[in-house]
Amino acid sequence: DIINRPTERIRQRLSFSKTAELGYLSNFYDLYHVEYSLDWNVREKTTIRPTFFYEYYKTSGPGAEEAHRFGAALGIYHVFTDNFTVGLDYRYLVKDSNQNGADYYQNLGMLSLYYKF
């Protein structure tokens, strides 16, 4: 992770990762992930977070799948108390695979409720 805070209200994060995970219909897959996000505190307790990411993965075994996923997300989060935060997110994702019929795009909306004990 590389984190930069150019101002009191803005924080940037660039992350890179490589993982090997258990696969679905394969033994495992290698996943490479790159992500950039920006946290902008528009008010004292409200943050807007745009995020952009890219993933590449390859599964093991015969007929291995190789795929690229590109995505962008936009979230807004508000801290109501030290223990309770509400978030609203939208995410768009495109997958490009070497397997027939495995390409897709996804629109996802999420409402998140966070509570710290």
PDB file of N, CA and C in Angstrom:
ATOM      1  N   ASP A   1       0.828  -1.191   0.000  1.00  0.00           N
ATOM      2  CA  ASP A   1       0.000   0.000   0.000  1.00  0.00           C
ATOM      3  C   ASP A   1       0.870   1.252   0.000  1.00  0.00           C
ATOM      4  N   ILE A   2       0.428   2.219  -0.763  1.00  0.00           N
ATOM      5  CA  ILE A   2       1.035   3.551  -0.730  1.00  0.00           C
ATOM      6  C   ILE A   2      -0.089   4.505  -0.365  1.00  0.00           C
ATOM      7  N   ILE A   3       0.086   5.244   0.722  1.00  0.00           N
ATOM      8  CA  ILE A   3      -0.941   6.176   1.197  1.00  0.00           C
ATOM      9  C   ILE A   3      -0.352   7.577   1.223  1.00  0.00           C
ATOM     10  N   ASN A   4      -1.124   8.525   0.719  1.00  0.00           N
ATOM     11  CA  ASN A   4      -0.698   9.916   0.668  1.00  0.00           C
ATOM     12  C   ASN A   4      -1.831  10.783   1.185  1.00  0.00           C
ATOM     13  N   ARG A   5      -1.498  11.753   2.015  1.00  0.00           N
ATOM     14  CA  ARG A   5      -2.489  12.690   2.537  1.00  0.00           C
ATOM     15  C   ARG A   5      -2.050  14.107   2.154  1.00  0.00           C
ATOM     16  N   PRO A   6      -2.477  14.593   0.944  1.00  0.00           N
ATOM     17  CA  PRO A   6      -2.047  15.917   0.498  1.00  0.00           C
ATOM     18  C   PRO A   6      -2.657  17.066   1.295  1.00  0.00           C
ATOM     19  N   THR A   7      -3.876  16.867   1.833  1.00  0.00           N
ATOM     20  CA  THR A   7      -4.498  17.887   2.671  1.00  0.00           C
ATOM     21  C   THR A   7      -5.173  17.193   3.844  1.00  0.00           C
ATOM     22  N   GLU A   8      -5.708  17.977   4.756  1.00  0.00           N
ATOM     23  CA  GLU A   8      -6.422  17.417   5.914  1.00  0.00           C
ATOM     24  C   GLU A   8      -7.693  16.679   5.500  1.00  0.00           C
ATOM     25  N   ARG A   9      -8.270  17.062   4.370  1.00  0.00           N
ATOM     26  CA  ARG A   9      -9.542  16.491   3.936  1.00  0.00           C
ATOM     27  C   ARG A   9      -9.414  15.401   2.874  1.00  0.00           C
ATOM     28  N   ILE A  10      -8.223  15.209   2.309  1.00  0.00           N
ATOM     29  CA  ILE A  10      -8.047  14.242   1.219  1.00  0.00           C
ATOM     30  C   ILE A  10      -6.953  13.237   1.572  1.00  0.00           C
ATOM     31  N   ARG A  11      -7.279  11.957   1.322  1.00  0.00           N
ATOM     32  CA  ARG A  11      -6.313  10.879   1.499  1.00  0.00           C
ATOM     33  C   ARG A  11      -6.395   9.985   0.267  1.00  0.00           C
ATOM     34  N   GLN A  12      -5.240   9.665  -0.315  1.00  0.00           N
ATOM     35  CA  GLN A  12      -5.170   8.791  -1.479  1.00  0.00           C
ATOM     36  C   GLN A  12      -4.526   7.469  -1.074  1.00  0.00           C
ATOM     37  N   ARG A  13      -4.943   6.397  -1.758  1.00  0.00           N
ATOM     38  CA  ARG A  13      -4.372   5.084  -1.467  1.00  0.00           C
ATOM     39  C   ARG A  13      -4.209   4.326  -2.775  1.00  0.00           C
ATOM     40  N   LEU A  14      -3.029   3.781  -2.996  1.00  0.00           N
ATOM     41  CA  LEU A  14      -2.742   2.928  -4.134  1.00  0.00           C
ATOM     42  C   LEU A  14      -2.253   1.604  -3.578  1.00  0.00           C
ATOM     43  N   SER A  15      -2.913   0.509  -3.962  1.00  0.00           N
ATOM     44  CA  SER A  15      -2.525  -0.795  -3.413  1.00  0.00           C
ATOM     45  C   SER A  15      -2.324  -1.802  -4.532  1.00  0.00           C
ATOM     46  N   PHE A  16      -1.407  -2.721  -4.283  1.00  0.00           N
ATOM     47  CA  PHE A  16      -1.089  -3.816  -5.186  1.00  0.00           C
ATOM     48  C   PHE A  16      -1.101  -5.093  -4.354  1.00  0.00           C
ATOM     49  N   SER A  17      -1.651  -6.174  -4.911  1.00  0.00           N
ATOM     50  CA  SER A  17      -1.598  -7.453  -4.197  1.00  0.00           C
ATOM     51  C   SER A  17      -1.564  -8.601  -5.200  1.00  0.00           C
ATOM     52  N   LYS A  18      -1.007  -9.712  -4.742  1.00  0.00           N
ATOM     53  CA  LYS A  18      -0.998 -10.965  -5.493  1.00  0.00           C
ATOM     54  C   LYS A  18      -1.361 -12.051  -4.501  1.00  0.00           C
ATOM     55  N   THR A  19      -2.403 -12.813  -4.795  1.00  0.00           N
ATOM     56  CA  THR A  19      -2.828 -13.886  -3.903  1.00  0.00           C
ATOM     57  C   THR A  19      -3.036 -15.163  -4.701  1.00  0.00           C
ATOM     58  N   ALA A  20      -2.944 -16.286  -4.019  1.00  0.00           N
ATOM     59  CA  ALA A  20      -3.318 -17.587  -4.565  1.00  0.00           C
ATOM     60  C   ALA A  20      -4.478 -18.066  -3.702  1.00  0.00           C
ATOM     61  N   GLU A  21      -5.609 -18.359  -4.330  1.00  0.00           N
ATOM     62  CA  GLU A  21      -6.815 -18.706  -3.588  1.00  0.00           C
ATOM     63  C   GLU A  21      -7.396 -20.011  -4.104  1.00  0.00           C
ATOM     64  N   LEU A  22      -8.193 -20.670  -3.251  1.00  0.00           N
ATOM     65  CA  LEU A  22      -8.887 -21.872  -3.670  1.00  0.00           C
ATOM     66  C   LEU A  22      -9.842 -21.529  -4.799  1.00  0.00           C
ATOM     67  N   GLY A  23      -9.909 -22.397  -5.791  1.00  0.00           N
ATOM     68  CA  GLY A  23     -10.718 -22.112  -6.964  1.00  0.00           C
ATOM     69  C   GLY A  23     -12.073 -22.788  -6.930  1.00  0.00           C
ATOM     70  N   TYR A  24     -12.949 -22.289  -7.759  1.00  0.00           N
ATOM     71  CA  TYR A  24     -14.256 -22.896  -7.995  1.00  0.00           C
ATOM     72  C   TYR A  24     -14.164 -23.585  -9.348  1.00  0.00           C
ATOM     73  N   LEU A  25     -14.341 -24.876  -9.414  1.00  0.00           N
ATOM     74  CA  LEU A  25     -14.159 -25.705 -10.605  1.00  0.00           C
ATOM     75  C   LEU A  25     -12.699 -25.751 -11.068  1.00  0.00           C
ATOM     76  N   SER A  26     -11.767 -25.429 -10.169  1.00  0.00           N
ATOM     77  CA  SER A  26     -10.333 -25.564 -10.411  1.00  0.00           C
ATOM     78  C   SER A  26      -9.666 -25.728  -9.048  1.00  0.00           C
ATOM     79  N   ASN A  27      -8.390 -26.136  -9.051  1.00  0.00           N
ATOM     80  CA  ASN A  27      -7.689 -26.312  -7.778  1.00  0.00           C
ATOM     81  C   ASN A  27      -7.450 -24.978  -7.078  1.00  0.00           C
ATOM     82  N   PHE A  28      -6.942 -24.017  -7.829  1.00  0.00           N
ATOM     83  CA  PHE A  28      -6.638 -22.701  -7.260  1.00  0.00           C
ATOM     84  C   PHE A  28      -6.574 -21.689  -8.392  1.00  0.00           C
ATOM     85  N   TYR A  29      -6.463 -20.434  -8.018  1.00  0.00           N
ATOM     86  CA  TYR A  29      -6.203 -19.403  -9.015  1.00  0.00           C
ATOM     87  C   TYR A  29      -5.299 -18.338  -8.423  1.00  0.00           C
ATOM     88  N   ASP A  30      -4.483 -17.748  -9.293  1.00  0.00           N
ATOM     89  CA  ASP A  30      -3.619 -16.626  -8.926  1.00  0.00           C
ATOM     90  C   ASP A  30      -4.347 -15.348  -9.295  1.00  0.00           C
ATOM     91  N   LEU A  31      -4.397 -14.416  -8.358  1.00  0.00           N
ATOM     92  CA  LEU A  31      -5.119 -13.160  -8.547  1.00  0.00           C
ATOM     93  C   LEU A  31      -4.174 -11.989  -8.305  1.00  0.00           C
ATOM     94  N   TYR A  32      -4.089 -11.100  -9.296  1.00  0.00           N
ATOM     95  CA  TYR A  32      -3.317  -9.857  -9.186  1.00  0.00           C
ATOM     96  C   TYR A  32      -4.313  -8.713  -9.140  1.00  0.00           C
ATOM     97  N   HIS A  33      -4.150  -7.811  -8.184  1.00  0.00           N
ATOM     98  CA  HIS A  33      -5.127  -6.741  -7.957  1.00  0.00           C
ATOM     99  C   HIS A  33      -4.391  -5.410  -7.782  1.00  0.00           C
ATOM    100  N   VAL A  34      -4.857  -4.378  -8.489  1.00  0.00           N
ATOM    101  CA  VAL A  34      -4.350  -3.002  -8.353  1.00  0.00           C
ATOM    102  C   VAL A  34      -5.562  -2.114  -8.099  1.00  0.00           C
ATOM    103  N   GLU A  35      -5.458  -1.242  -7.100  1.00  0.00           N
ATOM    104  CA  GLU A  35      -6.599  -0.389  -6.741  1.00  0.00           C
ATOM    105  C   GLU A  35      -6.131   1.006  -6.336  1.00  0.00           C
ATOM    106  N   TYR A  36      -6.881   1.993  -6.784  1.00  0.00           N
ATOM    107  CA  TYR A  36      -6.665   3.387  -6.367  1.00  0.00           C
ATOM    108  C   TYR A  36      -7.957   3.898  -5.745  1.00  0.00           C
ATOM    109  N   SER A  37      -7.848   4.528  -4.584  1.00  0.00           N
ATOM    110  CA  SER A  37      -9.026   5.143  -3.968  1.00  0.00           C
ATOM    111  C   SER A  37      -8.652   6.501  -3.390  1.00  0.00           C
ATOM    112  N   LEU A  38      -9.653   7.338  -3.284  1.00  0.00           N
ATOM    113  CA  LEU A  38      -9.491   8.686  -2.758  1.00  0.00           C
ATOM    114  C   LEU A  38     -10.576   8.898  -1.709  1.00  0.00           C
ATOM    115  N   ASP A  39     -10.186   9.223  -0.496  1.00  0.00           N
ATOM    116  CA  ASP A  39     -11.151   9.572   0.558  1.00  0.00           C
ATOM    117  C   ASP A  39     -11.186  11.089   0.666  1.00  0.00           C
ATOM    118  N   TRP A  40     -12.371  11.663   0.434  1.00  0.00           N
ATOM    119  CA  TRP A  40     -12.540  13.111   0.503  1.00  0.00           C
ATOM    120  C   TRP A  40     -13.554  13.404   1.596  1.00  0.00           C
ATOM    121  N   ASN A  41     -13.098  14.005   2.671  1.00  0.00           N
ATOM    122  CA  ASN A  41     -13.974  14.394   3.779  1.00  0.00           C
ATOM    123  C   ASN A  41     -14.655  15.710   3.412  1.00  0.00           C
ATOM    124  N   VAL A  42     -15.858  15.604   2.857  1.00  0.00           N
ATOM    125  CA  VAL A  42     -16.575  16.793   2.409  1.00  0.00           C
ATOM    126  C   VAL A  42     -17.135  17.585   3.582  1.00  0.00           C
ATOM    127  N   ARG A  43     -17.416  16.886   4.681  1.00  0.00           N
ATOM    128  CA  ARG A  43     -17.841  17.508   5.932  1.00  0.00           C
ATOM    129  C   ARG A  43     -17.120  16.773   7.048  1.00  0.00           C
ATOM    130  N   GLU A  44     -17.282  17.242   8.253  1.00  0.00           N
ATOM    131  CA  GLU A  44     -16.552  16.649   9.374  1.00  0.00           C
ATOM    132  C   GLU A  44     -16.792  15.148   9.512  1.00  0.00           C
ATOM    133  N   LYS A  45     -18.002  14.682   9.281  1.00  0.00           N
ATOM    134  CA  LYS A  45     -18.317  13.266   9.471  1.00  0.00           C
ATOM    135  C   LYS A  45     -18.814  12.574   8.201  1.00  0.00           C
ATOM    136  N   THR A  46     -18.629  13.208   7.030  1.00  0.00           N
ATOM    137  CA  THR A  46     -19.095  12.639   5.766  1.00  0.00           C
ATOM    138  C   THR A  46     -17.929  12.514   4.794  1.00  0.00           C
ATOM    139  N   THR A  47     -17.780  11.322   4.221  1.00  0.00           N
ATOM    140  CA  THR A  47     -16.685  11.034   3.299  1.00  0.00           C
ATOM    141  C   THR A  47     -17.241  10.501   1.983  1.00  0.00           C
ATOM    142  N   ILE A  48     -16.662  10.987   0.879  1.00  0.00           N
ATOM    143  CA  ILE A  48     -16.949  10.449  -0.444  1.00  0.00           C
ATOM    144  C   ILE A  48     -15.705   9.697  -0.892  1.00  0.00           C
ATOM    145  N   ARG A  49     -15.908   8.480  -1.437  1.00  0.00           N
ATOM    146  CA  ARG A  49     -14.776   7.647  -1.827  1.00  0.00           C
ATOM    147  C   ARG A  49     -14.953   7.077  -3.240  1.00  0.00           C
ATOM    148  N   PRO A  50     -14.325   7.685  -4.261  1.00  0.00           N
ATOM    149  CA  PRO A  50     -14.256   7.037  -5.570  1.00  0.00           C
ATOM    150  C   PRO A  50     -13.108   6.021  -5.575  1.00  0.00           C
ATOM    151  N   THR A  51     -13.320   4.896  -6.257  1.00  0.00           N
ATOM    152  CA  THR A  51     -12.327   3.832  -6.321  1.00  0.00           C
ATOM    153  C   THR A  51     -12.277   3.285  -7.738  1.00  0.00           C
ATOM    154  N   PHE A  52     -11.066   2.978  -8.201  1.00  0.00           N
ATOM    155  CA  PHE A  52     -10.851   2.352  -9.501  1.00  0.00           C
ATOM    156  C   PHE A  52      -9.954   1.143  -9.289  1.00  0.00           C
ATOM    157  N   PHE A  53     -10.256   0.027  -9.980  1.00  0.00           N
ATOM    158  CA  PHE A  53      -9.421  -1.151  -9.784  1.00  0.00           C
ATOM    159  C   PHE A  53      -9.311  -1.985 -11.061  1.00  0.00           C
ATOM    160  N   TYR A  54      -8.274  -2.802 -11.072  1.00  0.00           N
ATOM    161  CA  TYR A  54      -8.014  -3.746 -12.162  1.00  0.00           C
ATOM    162  C   TYR A  54      -7.574  -5.065 -11.530  1.00  0.00           C
ATOM    163  N   GLU A  55      -8.078  -6.174 -12.073  1.00  0.00           N
ATOM    164  CA  GLU A  55      -7.667  -7.498 -11.605  1.00  0.00           C
ATOM    165  C   GLU A  55      -7.358  -8.391 -12.795  1.00  0.00           C
ATOM    166  N   TYR A  56      -6.379  -9.236 -12.608  1.00  0.00           N
ATOM    167  CA  TYR A  56      -6.064 -10.278 -13.573  1.00  0.00           C
ATOM    168  C   TYR A  56      -5.985 -11.579 -12.799  1.00  0.00           C
ATOM    169  N   TYR A  57      -6.608 -12.628 -13.322  1.00  0.00           N
ATOM    170  CA  TYR A  57      -6.452 -13.923 -12.660  1.00  0.00           C
ATOM    171  C   TYR A  57      -6.370 -15.044 -13.671  1.00  0.00           C
ATOM    172  N   LYS A  58      -5.763 -16.146 -13.221  1.00  0.00           N
ATOM    173  CA  LYS A  58      -5.629 -17.348 -14.030  1.00  0.00           C
ATOM    174  C   LYS A  58      -5.884 -18.547 -13.137  1.00  0.00           C
ATOM    175  N   THR A  59      -6.764 -19.446 -13.598  1.00  0.00           N
ATOM    176  CA  THR A  59      -7.071 -20.646 -12.826  1.00  0.00           C
ATOM    177  C   THR A  59      -6.108 -21.765 -13.211  1.00  0.00           C
ATOM    178  N   SER A  60      -6.054 -22.784 -12.372  1.00  0.00           N
ATOM    179  CA  SER A  60      -5.184 -23.929 -12.628  1.00  0.00           C
ATOM    180  C   SER A  60      -5.950 -25.023 -13.364  1.00  0.00           C
ATOM    181  N   GLY A  61      -5.208 -25.975 -13.904  1.00  0.00           N
ATOM    182  CA  GLY A  61      -5.818 -27.161 -14.494  1.00  0.00           C
ATOM    183  C   GLY A  61      -6.093 -27.038 -15.971  1.00  0.00           C
ATOM    184  N   PRO A  62      -6.631 -28.132 -16.548  1.00  0.00           N
ATOM    185  CA  PRO A  62      -6.953 -28.106 -17.978  1.00  0.00           C
ATOM    186  C   PRO A  62      -8.085 -27.123 -18.262  1.00  0.00           C
ATOM    187  N   GLY A  63      -8.004 -26.462 -19.394  1.00  0.00           N
ATOM    188  CA  GLY A  63      -9.025 -25.462 -19.741  1.00  0.00           C
ATOM    189  C   GLY A  63      -8.993 -24.267 -18.830  1.00  0.00           C
ATOM    190  N   ALA A  64      -7.803 -23.896 -18.375  1.00  0.00           N
ATOM    191  CA  ALA A  64      -7.650 -22.792 -17.417  1.00  0.00           C
ATOM    192  C   ALA A  64      -8.256 -21.499 -17.959  1.00  0.00           C
ATOM    193  N   GLU A  65      -8.886 -20.768 -17.077  1.00  0.00           N
ATOM    194  CA  GLU A  65      -9.464 -19.475 -17.440  1.00  0.00           C
ATOM    195  C   GLU A  65      -8.471 -18.369 -17.112  1.00  0.00           C
ATOM    196  N   GLU A  66      -8.355 -17.423 -18.035  1.00  0.00           N
ATOM    197  CA  GLU A  66      -7.629 -16.182 -17.783  1.00  0.00           C
ATOM    198  C   GLU A  66      -8.626 -15.054 -17.968  1.00  0.00           C
ATOM    199  N   ALA A  67      -8.648 -14.136 -17.023  1.00  0.00           N
ATOM    200  CA  ALA A  67      -9.637 -13.059 -17.109  1.00  0.00           C
ATOM    201  C   ALA A  67      -9.061 -11.749 -16.599  1.00  0.00           C
ATOM    202  N   HIS A  68      -9.615 -10.676 -17.123  1.00  0.00           N
ATOM    203  CA  HIS A  68      -9.313  -9.316 -16.692  1.00  0.00           C
ATOM    204  C   HIS A  68     -10.615  -8.726 -16.181  1.00  0.00           C
ATOM    205  N   ARG A  69     -10.551  -8.060 -15.034  1.00  0.00           N
ATOM    206  CA  ARG A  69     -11.726  -7.351 -14.506  1.00  0.00           C
ATOM    207  C   ARG A  69     -11.327  -5.903 -14.252  1.00  0.00           C
ATOM    208  N   PHE A  70     -12.189  -5.013 -14.710  1.00  0.00           N
ATOM    209  CA  PHE A  70     -11.996  -3.577 -14.528  1.00  0.00           C
ATOM    210  C   PHE A  70     -13.212  -3.064 -13.772  1.00  0.00           C
ATOM    211  N   GLY A  71     -12.985  -2.130 -12.874  1.00  0.00           N
ATOM    212  CA  GLY A  71     -14.134  -1.627 -12.156  1.00  0.00           C
ATOM    213  C   GLY A  71     -13.930  -0.242 -11.592  1.00  0.00           C
ATOM    214  N   ALA A  72     -15.061   0.354 -11.232  1.00  0.00           N
ATOM    215  CA  ALA A  72     -15.073   1.658 -10.578  1.00  0.00           C
ATOM    216  C   ALA A  72     -16.204   1.643  -9.557  1.00  0.00           C
ATOM    217  N   ALA A  73     -15.994   2.367  -8.487  1.00  0.00           N
ATOM    218  CA  ALA A  73     -17.007   2.441  -7.435  1.00  0.00           C
ATOM    219  C   ALA A  73     -17.053   3.866  -6.895  1.00  0.00           C
ATOM    220  N   LEU A  74     -18.211   4.203  -6.351  1.00  0.00           N
ATOM    221  CA  LEU A  74     -18.378   5.496  -5.691  1.00  0.00           C
ATOM    222  C   LEU A  74     -19.189   5.261  -4.428  1.00  0.00           C
ATOM    223  N   GLY A  75     -18.642   5.689  -3.306  1.00  0.00           N
ATOM    224  CA  GLY A  75     -19.330   5.502  -2.036  1.00  0.00           C
ATOM    225  C   GLY A  75     -19.403   6.791  -1.250  1.00  0.00           C
ATOM    226  N   ILE A  76     -20.430   6.886  -0.424  1.00  0.00           N
ATOM    227  CA  ILE A  76     -20.555   8.001   0.512  1.00  0.00           C
ATOM    228  C   ILE A  76     -20.847   7.405   1.880  1.00  0.00           C
ATOM    229  N   TYR A  77     -20.134   7.883   2.890  1.00  0.00           N
ATOM    230  CA  TYR A  77     -20.212   7.328   4.244  1.00  0.00           C
ATOM    231  C   TYR A  77     -20.416   8.469   5.234  1.00  0.00           C
ATOM    232  N   HIS A  78     -21.294   8.233   6.196  1.00  0.00           N
ATOM    233  CA  HIS A  78     -21.528   9.234   7.232  1.00  0.00           C
ATOM    234  C   HIS A  78     -21.423   8.569   8.601  1.00  0.00           C
ATOM    235  N   VAL A  79     -20.621   9.187   9.478  1.00  0.00           N
ATOM    236  CA  VAL A  79     -20.442   8.703  10.842  1.00  0.00           C
ATOM    237  C   VAL A  79     -21.475   9.398  11.716  1.00  0.00           C
ATOM    238  N   PHE A  80     -22.424   8.622  12.252  1.00  0.00           N
ATOM    239  CA  PHE A  80     -23.444   9.191  13.125  1.00  0.00           C
ATOM    240  C   PHE A  80     -22.954   9.279  14.567  1.00  0.00           C
ATOM    241  N   THR A  81     -22.283   8.242  15.026  1.00  0.00           N
ATOM    242  CA  THR A  81     -21.674   8.238  16.358  1.00  0.00           C
ATOM    243  C   THR A  81     -20.321   7.546  16.231  1.00  0.00           C
ATOM    244  N   ASP A  82     -19.555   7.489  17.307  1.00  0.00           N
ATOM    245  CA  ASP A  82     -18.276   6.783  17.283  1.00  0.00           C
ATOM    246  C   ASP A  82     -18.467   5.301  16.960  1.00  0.00           C
ATOM    247  N   ASN A  83     -19.657   4.778  17.201  1.00  0.00           N
ATOM    248  CA  ASN A  83     -19.921   3.355  16.998  1.00  0.00           C
ATOM    249  C   ASN A  83     -20.731   3.045  15.737  1.00  0.00           C
ATOM    250  N   PHE A  84     -21.394   4.018  15.133  1.00  0.00           N
ATOM    251  CA  PHE A  84     -22.337   3.723  14.052  1.00  0.00           C
ATOM    252  C   PHE A  84     -22.065   4.574  12.815  1.00  0.00           C
ATOM    253  N   THR A  85     -21.866   3.895  11.661  1.00  0.00           N
ATOM    254  CA  THR A  85     -21.621   4.550  10.373  1.00  0.00           C
ATOM    255  C   THR A  85     -22.543   3.935   9.329  1.00  0.00           C
ATOM    256  N   VAL A  86     -23.050   4.762   8.411  1.00  0.00           N
ATOM    257  CA  VAL A  86     -23.898   4.305   7.311  1.00  0.00           C
ATOM    258  C   VAL A  86     -23.174   4.627   6.002  1.00  0.00           C
ATOM    259  N   GLY A  87     -23.207   3.675   5.058  1.00  0.00           N
ATOM    260  CA  GLY A  87     -22.577   3.871   3.764  1.00  0.00           C
ATOM    261  C   GLY A  87     -23.519   3.531   2.632  1.00  0.00           C
ATOM    262  N   LEU A  88     -23.374   4.229   1.519  1.00  0.00           N
ATOM    263  CA  LEU A  88     -24.127   3.965   0.305  1.00  0.00           C
ATOM    264  C   LEU A  88     -23.113   3.881  -0.828  1.00  0.00           C
ATOM    265  N   ASP A  89     -23.097   2.746  -1.555  1.00  0.00           N
ATOM    266  CA  ASP A  89     -22.091   2.509  -2.587  1.00  0.00           C
ATOM    267  C   ASP A  89     -22.736   2.099  -3.906  1.00  0.00           C
ATOM    268  N   TYR A  90     -22.080   2.491  -5.005  1.00  0.00           N
ATOM    269  CA  TYR A  90     -22.414   2.002  -6.331  1.00  0.00           C
ATOM    270  C   TYR A  90     -21.125   1.463  -6.942  1.00  0.00           C
ATOM    271  N   ARG A  91     -21.199   0.304  -7.607  1.00  0.00           N
ATOM    272  CA  ARG A  91     -20.019  -0.312  -8.209  1.00  0.00           C
ATOM    273  C   ARG A  91     -20.368  -0.835  -9.595  1.00  0.00           C
ATOM    274  N   TYR A  92     -19.464  -0.603 -10.550  1.00  0.00           N
ATOM    275  CA  TYR A  92     -19.603  -1.111 -11.904  1.00  0.00           C
ATOM    276  C   TYR A  92     -18.375  -1.958 -12.207  1.00  0.00           C
ATOM    277  N   LEU A  93     -18.587  -3.136 -12.779  1.00  0.00           N
ATOM    278  CA  LEU A  93     -17.498  -4.078 -13.035  1.00  0.00           C
ATOM    279  C   LEU A  93     -17.683  -4.698 -14.409  1.00  0.00           C
ATOM    280  N   VAL A  94     -16.581  -4.859 -15.143  1.00  0.00           N
ATOM    281  CA  VAL A  94     -16.579  -5.536 -16.438  1.00  0.00           C
ATOM    282  C   VAL A  94     -15.558  -6.659 -16.373  1.00  0.00           C
ATOM    283  N   LYS A  95     -15.964  -7.859 -16.805  1.00  0.00           N
ATOM    284  CA  LYS A  95     -15.055  -9.006 -16.840  1.00  0.00           C
ATOM    285  C   LYS A  95     -14.871  -9.441 -18.287  1.00  0.00           C
ATOM    286  N   ASP A  96     -13.607  -9.637 -18.685  1.00  0.00           N
ATOM    287  CA  ASP A  96     -13.247 -10.107 -20.018  1.00  0.00           C
ATOM    288  C   ASP A  96     -12.472 -11.408 -19.840  1.00  0.00           C
ATOM    289  N   SER A  97     -13.051 -12.522 -20.278  1.00  0.00           N
ATOM    290  CA  SER A  97     -12.480 -13.847 -20.060  1.00  0.00           C
ATOM    291  C   SER A  97     -12.128 -14.525 -21.378  1.00  0.00           C
ATOM    292  N   ASN A  98     -11.191 -15.481 -21.309  1.00  0.00           N
ATOM    293  CA  ASN A  98     -10.871 -16.275 -22.493  1.00  0.00           C
ATOM    294  C   ASN A  98     -11.844 -17.447 -22.665  1.00  0.00           C
ATOM    295  N   GLN A  99     -12.760 -17.651 -21.733  1.00  0.00           N
ATOM    296  CA  GLN A  99     -13.760 -18.716 -21.809  1.00  0.00           C
ATOM    297  C   GLN A  99     -15.042 -18.179 -22.457  1.00  0.00           C
ATOM    298  N   ASN A 100     -15.615 -18.967 -23.352  1.00  0.00           N
ATOM    299  CA  ASN A 100     -16.876 -18.567 -23.987  1.00  0.00           C
ATOM    300  C   ASN A 100     -17.983 -18.456 -22.941  1.00  0.00           C
ATOM    301  N   GLY A 101     -18.728 -17.374 -22.988  1.00  0.00           N
ATOM    302  CA  GLY A 101     -19.855 -17.187 -22.089  1.00  0.00           C
ATOM    303  C   GLY A 101     -19.497 -16.740 -20.683  1.00  0.00           C
ATOM    304  N   ALA A 102     -18.226 -16.470 -20.402  1.00  0.00           N
ATOM    305  CA  ALA A 102     -17.828 -16.078 -19.050  1.00  0.00           C
ATOM    306  C   ALA A 102     -17.645 -14.571 -18.899  1.00  0.00           C
ATOM    307  N   ASP A 103     -17.812 -13.809 -19.975  1.00  0.00           N
ATOM    308  CA  ASP A 103     -17.728 -12.346 -19.876  1.00  0.00           C
ATOM    309  C   ASP A 103     -19.010 -11.816 -19.254  1.00  0.00           C
ATOM    310  N   TYR A 104     -18.885 -10.734 -18.500  1.00  0.00           N
ATOM    311  CA  TYR A 104     -20.080 -10.108 -17.943  1.00  0.00           C
ATOM    312  C   TYR A 104     -19.770  -8.687 -17.515  1.00  0.00           C
ATOM    313  N   TYR A 105     -20.823  -7.962 -17.229  1.00  0.00           N
ATOM    314  CA  TYR A 105     -20.691  -6.678 -16.556  1.00  0.00           C
ATOM    315  C   TYR A 105     -21.669  -6.695 -15.390  1.00  0.00           C
ATOM    316  N   GLN A 106     -21.395  -5.865 -14.405  1.00  0.00           N
ATOM    317  CA  GLN A 106     -22.186  -5.900 -13.172  1.00  0.00           C
ATOM    318  C   GLN A 106     -22.423  -4.481 -12.685  1.00  0.00           C
ATOM    319  N   ASN A 107     -23.650  -4.187 -12.321  1.00  0.00           N
ATOM    320  CA  ASN A 107     -24.017  -2.956 -11.629  1.00  0.00           C
ATOM    321  C   ASN A 107     -24.459  -3.374 -10.235  1.00  0.00           C
ATOM    322  N   LEU A 108     -23.890  -2.762  -9.220  1.00  0.00           N
ATOM    323  CA  LEU A 108     -24.181  -3.182  -7.855  1.00  0.00           C
ATOM    324  C   LEU A 108     -24.377  -1.955  -6.978  1.00  0.00           C
ATOM    325  N   GLY A 109     -25.468  -1.938  -6.246  1.00  0.00           N
ATOM    326  CA  GLY A 109     -25.719  -0.898  -5.252  1.00  0.00           C
ATOM    327  C   GLY A 109     -25.736  -1.539  -3.876  1.00  0.00           C
ATOM    328  N   MET A 110     -25.136  -0.890  -2.898  1.00  0.00           N
ATOM    329  CA  MET A 110     -25.065  -1.447  -1.548  1.00  0.00           C
ATOM    330  C   MET A 110     -25.384  -0.382  -0.503  1.00  0.00           C
ATOM    331  N   LEU A 111     -26.094  -0.790   0.496  1.00  0.00           N
ATOM    332  CA  LEU A 111     -26.317   0.019   1.688  1.00  0.00           C
ATOM    333  C   LEU A 111     -25.601  -0.699   2.822  1.00  0.00           C
ATOM    334  N   SER A 112     -24.687  -0.018   3.493  1.00  0.00           N
ATOM    335  CA  SER A 112     -23.890  -0.637   4.550  1.00  0.00           C
ATOM    336  C   SER A 112     -24.183   0.022   5.881  1.00  0.00           C
ATOM    337  N   LEU A 113     -24.296  -0.794   6.898  1.00  0.00           N
ATOM    338  CA  LEU A 113     -24.449  -0.321   8.278  1.00  0.00           C
ATOM    339  C   LEU A 113     -23.294  -0.903   9.081  1.00  0.00           C
ATOM    340  N   TYR A 114     -22.478  -0.054   9.683  1.00  0.00           N
ATOM    341  CA  TYR A 114     -21.333  -0.491  10.464  1.00  0.00           C
ATOM    342  C   TYR A 114     -21.560  -0.148  11.922  1.00  0.00           C
ATOM    343  N   TYR A 115     -21.338  -1.113  12.778  1.00  0.00           N
ATOM    344  CA  TYR A 115     -21.449  -0.878  14.216  1.00  0.00           C
ATOM    345  C   TYR A 115     -20.214  -1.441  14.899  1.00  0.00           C
ATOM    346  N   LYS A 116     -19.518  -0.619  15.679  1.00  0.00           N
ATOM    347  CA  LYS A 116     -18.337  -1.063  16.442  1.00  0.00           C
ATOM    348  C   LYS A 116     -18.756  -1.351  17.862  1.00  0.00           C
ATOM    349  N   PHE A 117     -18.362  -2.494  18.361  1.00  0.00           N
ATOM    350  CA  PHE A 117     -18.679  -2.873  19.749  1.00  0.00           C
ATOM    351  C   PHE A 117     -17.620  -2.389  20.695  1.00  0.00           C
TER     352      PHE A 117
END
